[in-house]
């Protein structure tokens, strides 16, 4: 039973990270809806995917060092909230904050739990 829980705690943040990164990459495809030239579209797609690239590097590092994933995903959630609320406040922004930063917080907490259990 303990081994089953341990595998669950090990794989859950990693799988959720992959799904979260794919979700963010999917949201970056909105750059194709505008009337831009090829190079403008390419630059816009790259700009939209900078967080995806950073989180992918963090995931690769945190696959072995869980503390890196815990810190980085929680900081990414906080950074998203700060960036979101720099604009004038609208109520629908709370849902955005819950969806994006809430998921990042959950993944970060799961990486911390995994790191703590591995350390013991």
Protein backbone atom coordinates (compact mmCIF):
# COMPACT_ATOMS: atom_id res chain seq x y z
CA UNK A 1 0.00 0.00 0.00
CA UNK A 2 2.79 2.41 0.89
CA UNK A 3 4.54 1.75 -2.42
CA UNK A 4 1.29 2.50 -4.32
CA UNK A 5 0.87 5.87 -2.57
CA UNK A 6 4.51 6.66 -3.19
CA UNK A 7 4.13 6.06 -6.95
CA UNK A 8 1.02 8.23 -6.97
CA UNK A 9 2.85 11.08 -5.26
CA UNK A 10 5.80 10.65 -7.62
CA UNK A 11 3.86 10.66 -10.90
CA UNK A 12 1.01 13.09 -10.20
CA UNK A 13 2.98 16.37 -10.32
CA UNK A 14 4.89 15.24 -13.39
CA UNK A 15 1.79 14.25 -15.35
CA UNK A 16 -0.08 17.39 -14.25
CA UNK A 17 2.93 19.48 -15.31
CA UNK A 18 2.90 17.95 -18.79
CA UNK A 19 -0.85 18.56 -19.13
CA UNK A 20 -0.48 22.13 -17.82
CA UNK A 21 2.37 22.91 -20.23
CA UNK A 22 0.38 21.48 -23.15
CA UNK A 23 -2.61 23.60 -22.10
CA UNK A 24 -0.49 26.75 -22.08
CA UNK A 25 0.97 25.85 -25.48
CA UNK A 26 -2.55 25.31 -26.82
CA UNK A 27 -3.61 28.76 -25.60
CA UNK A 28 -0.72 30.31 -27.52
CA UNK A 29 -2.24 29.23 -30.83
CA UNK A 30 -4.56 32.24 -30.76
CA UNK A 31 -1.80 34.13 -32.59
CA UNK A 32 -2.99 32.46 -35.81
CA UNK A 33 -6.39 34.16 -35.63
CA UNK A 34 -5.00 37.60 -36.42
CA UNK A 35 -4.05 38.90 -39.85
CA UNK A 36 -0.26 38.88 -39.52
CA UNK A 37 2.55 38.13 -41.91
CA UNK A 38 4.53 34.89 -41.63
CA UNK A 39 7.36 36.46 -39.63
CA UNK A 40 5.01 38.37 -37.33
CA UNK A 41 3.11 35.14 -36.65
CA UNK A 42 6.34 33.28 -35.97
CA UNK A 43 7.57 35.96 -33.56
CA UNK A 44 4.16 36.13 -31.87
CA UNK A 45 4.09 32.35 -31.46
CA UNK A 46 7.57 32.41 -29.94
CA UNK A 47 6.62 35.24 -27.56
CA UNK A 48 3.49 33.40 -26.44
CA UNK A 49 5.48 30.22 -25.83
CA UNK A 50 8.28 31.69 -23.70
CA UNK A 51 6.50 30.59 -20.47
CA UNK A 52 5.97 27.15 -21.99
CA UNK A 53 9.67 26.81 -22.79
CA UNK A 54 10.66 27.98 -19.30
CA UNK A 55 8.23 25.57 -17.60
CA UNK A 56 9.40 22.73 -19.83
CA UNK A 57 13.01 23.33 -18.74
CA UNK A 58 11.83 23.51 -15.11
CA UNK A 59 9.97 20.22 -15.53
CA UNK A 60 13.05 18.51 -16.97
CA UNK A 61 15.17 19.73 -14.03
CA UNK A 62 12.50 18.96 -11.44
CA UNK A 63 12.07 15.41 -12.72
CA UNK A 64 15.08 14.60 -10.56
CA UNK A 65 15.19 17.57 -8.16
CA UNK A 66 11.63 18.04 -6.90
CA UNK A 67 12.44 21.12 -4.85
CA UNK A 68 13.18 23.02 -8.07
CA UNK A 69 9.72 22.15 -9.38
CA UNK A 70 8.07 23.11 -6.12
CA UNK A 71 9.70 26.51 -5.98
CA UNK A 72 9.43 27.28 -9.70
CA UNK A 73 5.76 26.36 -10.14
CA UNK A 74 4.70 28.33 -7.07
CA UNK A 75 6.72 31.32 -8.26
CA UNK A 76 5.16 30.95 -11.72
CA UNK A 77 1.70 31.07 -10.14
CA UNK A 78 2.59 34.16 -8.14
CA UNK A 79 4.12 35.84 -11.19
CA UNK A 80 0.94 35.16 -13.18
CA UNK A 81 -1.21 36.76 -10.47
CA UNK A 82 1.06 39.82 -10.33
CA UNK A 83 1.04 40.20 -14.12
CA UNK A 84 -2.71 39.69 -14.31
CA UNK A 85 -3.59 42.29 -11.72
CA UNK A 86 -1.33 44.96 -13.19
CA UNK A 87 -4.24 45.64 -15.55
CA UNK A 88 -7.47 47.31 -14.37
CA UNK A 89 -9.45 44.86 -12.25
CA UNK A 90 -12.32 42.88 -13.78
CA UNK A 91 -14.16 40.09 -11.97
CA UNK A 92 -13.54 37.50 -14.67
CA UNK A 93 -9.81 37.83 -13.97
CA UNK A 94 -10.35 35.92 -10.74
CA UNK A 95 -11.33 32.87 -12.78
CA UNK A 96 -8.19 33.23 -14.88
CA UNK A 97 -6.09 33.47 -11.72
CA UNK A 98 -7.71 30.36 -10.26
CA UNK A 99 -7.32 28.35 -13.45
CA UNK A 100 -3.72 29.20 -14.26
CA UNK A 101 -2.07 30.04 -10.95
CA UNK A 102 -4.17 27.57 -8.96
CA UNK A 103 -2.95 24.75 -11.16
CA UNK A 104 0.64 25.97 -10.85
CA UNK A 105 0.27 26.15 -7.05
CA UNK A 106 -1.13 22.61 -6.93
CA UNK A 107 1.74 21.26 -9.02
CA UNK A 108 4.28 23.11 -6.86
CA UNK A 109 2.75 21.75 -3.66
CA UNK A 110 2.77 18.22 -5.04
CA UNK A 111 6.45 18.57 -5.96
CA UNK A 112 7.16 19.80 -2.41
CA UNK A 113 5.29 16.82 -0.93
CA UNK A 114 7.28 14.48 -3.15
CA UNK A 115 10.55 16.17 -2.17
CA UNK A 116 9.68 16.02 1.54
CA UNK A 117 8.75 12.33 1.38
CA UNK A 118 11.89 11.53 -0.60
CA UNK A 119 14.01 13.40 1.93
CA UNK A 120 12.60 11.35 4.84
